[in-house]
Amino acid sequence: MSIAPEVRNFIKELSDALLKVRPLGGSEMFVHRFGNYYADPNYCGAMIENLTKRLHESRMSEVRTERNRDMWKGQCERQAEELTKLREALAFTPHDGKATP
């Protein structure tokens, strides 16, 4: 897996920040190289890919939800119009010729 220099620098900065915030405690994210602990680029790359995939799946779910909402909204509007027409048609009673409230 080839990692761009910008990503490698970001991983190094992330590694340094995490080591300051949380002491090394058996995390698979860290590797020991040249006397220092660094965030493993392969692990970070896999983590970024996983997060990207989850973000994409979340966005697709949101799009499906919006589409379903619009579909149901349209169906409700059509049914409301049909019910209004039926109600108007039934409002006039043929036996006495008067409209009912």
N, C-alpha and C. Protein backbone atom coordinates (compact mmCIF):
# COMPACT_ATOMS: atom_id res chain seq x y z
N MET A 1 0.84 -1.17 0.00
CA MET A 1 0.00 0.00 0.00
C MET A 1 0.89 1.24 0.00
N SER A 2 0.73 2.07 -0.99
CA SER A 2 1.53 3.28 -1.12
C SER A 2 0.81 4.44 -0.42
N ILE A 3 1.55 5.16 0.39
CA ILE A 3 0.94 6.25 1.16
C ILE A 3 1.59 7.56 0.75
N ALA A 4 0.75 8.54 0.45
CA ALA A 4 1.23 9.86 0.05
C ALA A 4 1.98 10.51 1.22
N PRO A 5 2.97 11.35 0.92
CA PRO A 5 3.73 12.01 1.98
C PRO A 5 2.86 12.82 2.93
N GLU A 6 1.80 13.46 2.41
CA GLU A 6 0.92 14.24 3.27
C GLU A 6 0.23 13.35 4.29
N VAL A 7 -0.20 12.17 3.84
CA VAL A 7 -0.87 11.24 4.74
C VAL A 7 0.13 10.72 5.77
N ARG A 8 1.34 10.42 5.32
CA ARG A 8 2.38 9.93 6.23
C ARG A 8 2.67 10.99 7.31
N ASN A 9 2.76 12.27 6.92
CA ASN A 9 2.98 13.34 7.89
C ASN A 9 1.81 13.46 8.85
N PHE A 10 0.60 13.34 8.32
CA PHE A 10 -0.59 13.40 9.17
C PHE A 10 -0.57 12.26 10.19
N ILE A 11 -0.22 11.09 9.75
CA ILE A 11 -0.16 9.92 10.64
C ILE A 11 0.89 10.15 11.73
N LYS A 12 2.03 10.72 11.35
CA LYS A 12 3.09 11.00 12.33
C LYS A 12 2.59 12.00 13.37
N GLU A 13 1.92 13.07 12.92
CA GLU A 13 1.38 14.06 13.85
C GLU A 13 0.32 13.45 14.75
N LEU A 14 -0.53 12.61 14.16
CA LEU A 14 -1.57 11.93 14.93
C LEU A 14 -0.93 11.02 15.98
N SER A 15 0.09 10.32 15.57
CA SER A 15 0.79 9.42 16.48
C SER A 15 1.37 10.19 17.67
N ASP A 16 2.05 11.28 17.37
CA ASP A 16 2.65 12.09 18.44
C ASP A 16 1.58 12.63 19.38
N ALA A 17 0.47 13.10 18.83
CA ALA A 17 -0.61 13.65 19.64
C ALA A 17 -1.23 12.57 20.51
N LEU A 18 -1.46 11.39 19.95
CA LEU A 18 -2.08 10.32 20.73
C LEU A 18 -1.17 9.84 21.84
N LEU A 19 0.12 9.82 21.58
CA LEU A 19 1.05 9.40 22.63
C LEU A 19 1.07 10.38 23.79
N LYS A 20 0.85 11.66 23.48
CA LYS A 20 0.81 12.66 24.55
C LYS A 20 -0.49 12.56 25.34
N VAL A 21 -1.58 12.29 24.64
CA VAL A 21 -2.88 12.24 25.27
C VAL A 21 -3.09 10.91 26.01
N ARG A 22 -2.70 9.82 25.40
CA ARG A 22 -2.95 8.49 25.96
C ARG A 22 -1.67 7.70 25.93
N PRO A 23 -1.23 7.21 27.06
CA PRO A 23 0.00 6.42 27.05
C PRO A 23 -0.18 5.12 26.27
N LEU A 24 0.90 4.64 25.72
CA LEU A 24 0.86 3.42 24.93
C LEU A 24 0.32 2.29 25.79
N GLY A 25 -0.72 1.63 25.31
CA GLY A 25 -1.34 0.59 26.11
C GLY A 25 -1.78 -0.59 25.28
N GLY A 26 -0.92 -1.13 24.47
CA GLY A 26 -1.25 -2.32 23.71
C GLY A 26 -2.10 -2.06 22.48
N SER A 27 -2.16 -0.81 22.04
CA SER A 27 -2.96 -0.50 20.86
C SER A 27 -2.28 -1.05 19.62
N GLU A 28 -3.09 -1.65 18.76
CA GLU A 28 -2.54 -2.19 17.51
C GLU A 28 -2.22 -1.08 16.52
N MET A 29 -2.61 0.12 16.86
CA MET A 29 -2.36 1.25 15.98
C MET A 29 -0.89 1.66 15.98
N PHE A 30 -0.18 1.37 17.06
CA PHE A 30 1.19 1.85 17.19
C PHE A 30 2.22 0.78 16.85
N VAL A 31 3.29 1.21 16.21
CA VAL A 31 4.43 0.34 15.93
C VAL A 31 5.69 1.02 16.45
N HIS A 32 6.65 0.21 16.83
CA HIS A 32 7.91 0.74 17.36
C HIS A 32 8.93 0.75 16.22
N ARG A 33 9.40 1.95 15.87
CA ARG A 33 10.40 2.08 14.80
C ARG A 33 11.43 3.13 15.21
N PHE A 34 12.66 2.80 14.99
CA PHE A 34 13.76 3.73 15.22
C PHE A 34 13.72 4.34 16.63
N GLY A 35 13.34 3.54 17.60
CA GLY A 35 13.34 3.99 18.98
C GLY A 35 12.13 4.82 19.38
N ASN A 36 11.19 5.02 18.49
CA ASN A 36 9.98 5.78 18.79
C ASN A 36 8.76 4.95 18.41
N TYR A 37 7.64 5.33 18.99
CA TYR A 37 6.38 4.70 18.61
C TYR A 37 5.66 5.60 17.62
N TYR A 38 5.16 4.98 16.56
CA TYR A 38 4.45 5.71 15.51
C TYR A 38 3.14 5.01 15.20
N ALA A 39 2.21 5.79 14.69
CA ALA A 39 0.97 5.19 14.22
C ALA A 39 1.31 4.38 12.98
N ASP A 40 0.84 3.15 12.96
CA ASP A 40 1.10 2.25 11.83
C ASP A 40 0.36 2.77 10.60
N PRO A 41 1.08 3.12 9.53
CA PRO A 41 0.43 3.67 8.33
C PRO A 41 -0.59 2.71 7.73
N ASN A 42 -0.30 1.42 7.75
CA ASN A 42 -1.25 0.45 7.19
C ASN A 42 -2.53 0.40 8.02
N TYR A 43 -2.37 0.42 9.34
CA TYR A 43 -3.54 0.41 10.22
C TYR A 43 -4.36 1.68 10.02
N CYS A 44 -3.67 2.82 9.99
CA CYS A 44 -4.38 4.10 9.80
C CYS A 44 -5.06 4.15 8.44
N GLY A 45 -4.37 3.62 7.41
CA GLY A 45 -4.97 3.59 6.08
C GLY A 45 -6.23 2.74 6.07
N ALA A 46 -6.17 1.57 6.73
CA ALA A 46 -7.34 0.70 6.80
C ALA A 46 -8.46 1.37 7.59
N MET A 47 -8.08 2.08 8.66
CA MET A 47 -9.07 2.77 9.48
C MET A 47 -9.74 3.88 8.65
N ILE A 48 -8.95 4.62 7.88
CA ILE A 48 -9.50 5.69 7.04
C ILE A 48 -10.44 5.10 5.98
N GLU A 49 -10.03 3.98 5.36
CA GLU A 49 -10.88 3.33 4.37
C GLU A 49 -12.18 2.86 5.00
N ASN A 50 -12.09 2.28 6.20
CA ASN A 50 -13.28 1.80 6.89
C ASN A 50 -14.22 2.96 7.21
N LEU A 51 -13.66 4.06 7.72
CA LEU A 51 -14.49 5.22 8.03
C LEU A 51 -15.11 5.82 6.77
N THR A 52 -14.35 5.85 5.69
CA THR A 52 -14.86 6.36 4.42
C THR A 52 -16.02 5.49 3.93
N LYS A 53 -15.85 4.17 4.05
CA LYS A 53 -16.91 3.25 3.63
C LYS A 53 -18.16 3.44 4.48
N ARG A 54 -17.98 3.57 5.81
CA ARG A 54 -19.12 3.76 6.69
C ARG A 54 -19.82 5.09 6.42
N LEU A 55 -19.04 6.13 6.12
CA LEU A 55 -19.60 7.43 5.79
C LEU A 55 -20.42 7.34 4.50
N HIS A 56 -19.88 6.63 3.50
CA HIS A 56 -20.59 6.46 2.23
C HIS A 56 -21.90 5.69 2.46
N GLU A 57 -21.84 4.61 3.24
CA GLU A 57 -23.05 3.83 3.52
C GLU A 57 -24.08 4.67 4.25
N SER A 58 -23.61 5.50 5.17
CA SER A 58 -24.52 6.38 5.91
C SER A 58 -25.18 7.38 4.97
N ARG A 59 -24.40 7.94 4.07
CA ARG A 59 -24.95 8.90 3.11
C ARG A 59 -25.96 8.24 2.18
N MET A 60 -25.66 7.01 1.74
CA MET A 60 -26.59 6.29 0.87
C MET A 60 -27.89 5.99 1.61
N SER A 61 -27.79 5.66 2.89
CA SER A 61 -28.98 5.41 3.69
C SER A 61 -29.81 6.69 3.82
N GLU A 62 -29.13 7.81 3.98
CA GLU A 62 -29.82 9.10 4.07
C GLU A 62 -30.54 9.41 2.75
N VAL A 63 -29.89 9.13 1.64
CA VAL A 63 -30.50 9.38 0.33
C VAL A 63 -31.74 8.50 0.15
N ARG A 64 -31.63 7.21 0.54
CA ARG A 64 -32.78 6.30 0.44
C ARG A 64 -33.92 6.79 1.32
N THR A 65 -33.61 7.25 2.51
CA THR A 65 -34.63 7.74 3.43
C THR A 65 -35.34 8.97 2.84
N GLU A 66 -34.57 9.87 2.26
CA GLU A 66 -35.17 11.06 1.64
C GLU A 66 -36.06 10.67 0.46
N ARG A 67 -35.60 9.72 -0.34
CA ARG A 67 -36.38 9.27 -1.49
C ARG A 67 -37.68 8.62 -1.02
N ASN A 68 -37.59 7.77 0.01
CA ASN A 68 -38.79 7.12 0.54
C ASN A 68 -39.75 8.15 1.13
N ARG A 69 -39.20 9.13 1.84
CA ARG A 69 -40.04 10.19 2.41
C ARG A 69 -40.80 10.92 1.30
N ASP A 70 -40.11 11.26 0.23
CA ASP A 70 -40.74 11.97 -0.87
C ASP A 70 -41.81 11.11 -1.54
N MET A 71 -41.52 9.80 -1.67
CA MET A 71 -42.48 8.89 -2.28
C MET A 71 -43.75 8.81 -1.43
N TRP A 72 -43.58 8.64 -0.11
CA TRP A 72 -44.74 8.55 0.78
C TRP A 72 -45.49 9.87 0.84
N LYS A 73 -44.78 10.97 0.80
CA LYS A 73 -45.43 12.28 0.83
C LYS A 73 -46.31 12.44 -0.41
N GLY A 74 -45.78 12.06 -1.57
CA GLY A 74 -46.55 12.14 -2.80
C GLY A 74 -47.77 11.24 -2.76
N GLN A 75 -47.60 10.04 -2.22
CA GLN A 75 -48.71 9.11 -2.13
C GLN A 75 -49.79 9.66 -1.19
N CYS A 76 -49.39 10.23 -0.08
CA CYS A 76 -50.35 10.82 0.86
C CYS A 76 -51.12 11.97 0.22
N GLU A 77 -50.42 12.79 -0.55
CA GLU A 77 -51.07 13.91 -1.22
C GLU A 77 -52.11 13.41 -2.23
N ARG A 78 -51.74 12.38 -2.99
CA ARG A 78 -52.68 11.82 -3.98
C ARG A 78 -53.90 11.21 -3.29
N GLN A 79 -53.67 10.49 -2.19
CA GLN A 79 -54.78 9.88 -1.47
C GLN A 79 -55.67 10.95 -0.83
N ALA A 80 -55.07 12.03 -0.34
CA ALA A 80 -55.86 13.12 0.25
C ALA A 80 -56.76 13.76 -0.81
N GLU A 81 -56.23 13.95 -2.01
CA GLU A 81 -57.05 14.51 -3.10
C GLU A 81 -58.20 13.57 -3.44
N GLU A 82 -57.91 12.28 -3.52
CA GLU A 82 -58.95 11.31 -3.85
C GLU A 82 -60.03 11.28 -2.76
N LEU A 83 -59.62 11.31 -1.50
CA LEU A 83 -60.58 11.32 -0.40
C LEU A 83 -61.42 12.60 -0.41
N THR A 84 -60.81 13.73 -0.74
CA THR A 84 -61.55 15.00 -0.82
C THR A 84 -62.61 14.92 -1.91
N LYS A 85 -62.25 14.36 -3.05
CA LYS A 85 -63.22 14.21 -4.15
C LYS A 85 -64.35 13.27 -3.75
N LEU A 86 -64.02 12.17 -3.10
CA LEU A 86 -65.07 11.23 -2.65
C LEU A 86 -65.98 11.88 -1.62
N ARG A 87 -65.40 12.64 -0.72
CA ARG A 87 -66.18 13.32 0.31
C ARG A 87 -67.13 14.33 -0.32
N GLU A 88 -66.63 15.07 -1.32
CA GLU A 88 -67.49 16.04 -2.01
C GLU A 88 -68.60 15.33 -2.77
N ALA A 89 -68.28 14.18 -3.35
CA ALA A 89 -69.29 13.44 -4.10
C ALA A 89 -70.35 12.88 -3.17
N LEU A 90 -69.95 12.51 -1.94
CA LEU A 90 -70.91 11.94 -0.99
C LEU A 90 -71.64 13.00 -0.17
N ALA A 91 -71.21 14.25 -0.26
CA ALA A 91 -71.81 15.32 0.55
C ALA A 91 -73.24 15.63 0.11
N PHE A 92 -73.56 15.36 -1.11
CA PHE A 92 -74.90 15.65 -1.62
C PHE A 92 -75.70 14.35 -1.57
N THR A 93 -76.79 14.36 -0.82
CA THR A 93 -77.61 13.15 -0.73
C THR A 93 -78.73 13.23 -1.77
N PRO A 94 -78.90 12.22 -2.60
CA PRO A 94 -79.90 12.27 -3.66
C PRO A 94 -81.36 12.16 -3.17
N HIS A 95 -81.61 11.65 -1.99
CA HIS A 95 -83.00 11.43 -1.57
C HIS A 95 -83.72 12.72 -1.20
N ASP A 96 -83.01 13.74 -0.67
CA ASP A 96 -83.71 14.97 -0.34
C ASP A 96 -83.13 16.20 -1.03
N GLY A 97 -82.00 16.05 -1.73
CA GLY A 97 -81.44 17.14 -2.47
C GLY A 97 -80.71 18.15 -1.65
N LYS A 98 -80.48 17.89 -0.39
CA LYS A 98 -79.78 18.84 0.48
C LYS A 98 -78.36 18.35 0.76
N ALA A 99 -77.51 19.31 0.92
CA ALA A 99 -76.13 18.99 1.27
C ALA A 99 -76.05 18.69 2.77
N THR A 100 -75.21 17.76 3.12
CA THR A 100 -75.03 17.43 4.54
C THR A 100 -73.79 18.13 5.05
N PRO A 101 -73.78 18.51 6.33
CA PRO A 101 -72.62 19.23 6.89
C PRO A 101 -71.40 18.33 7.00
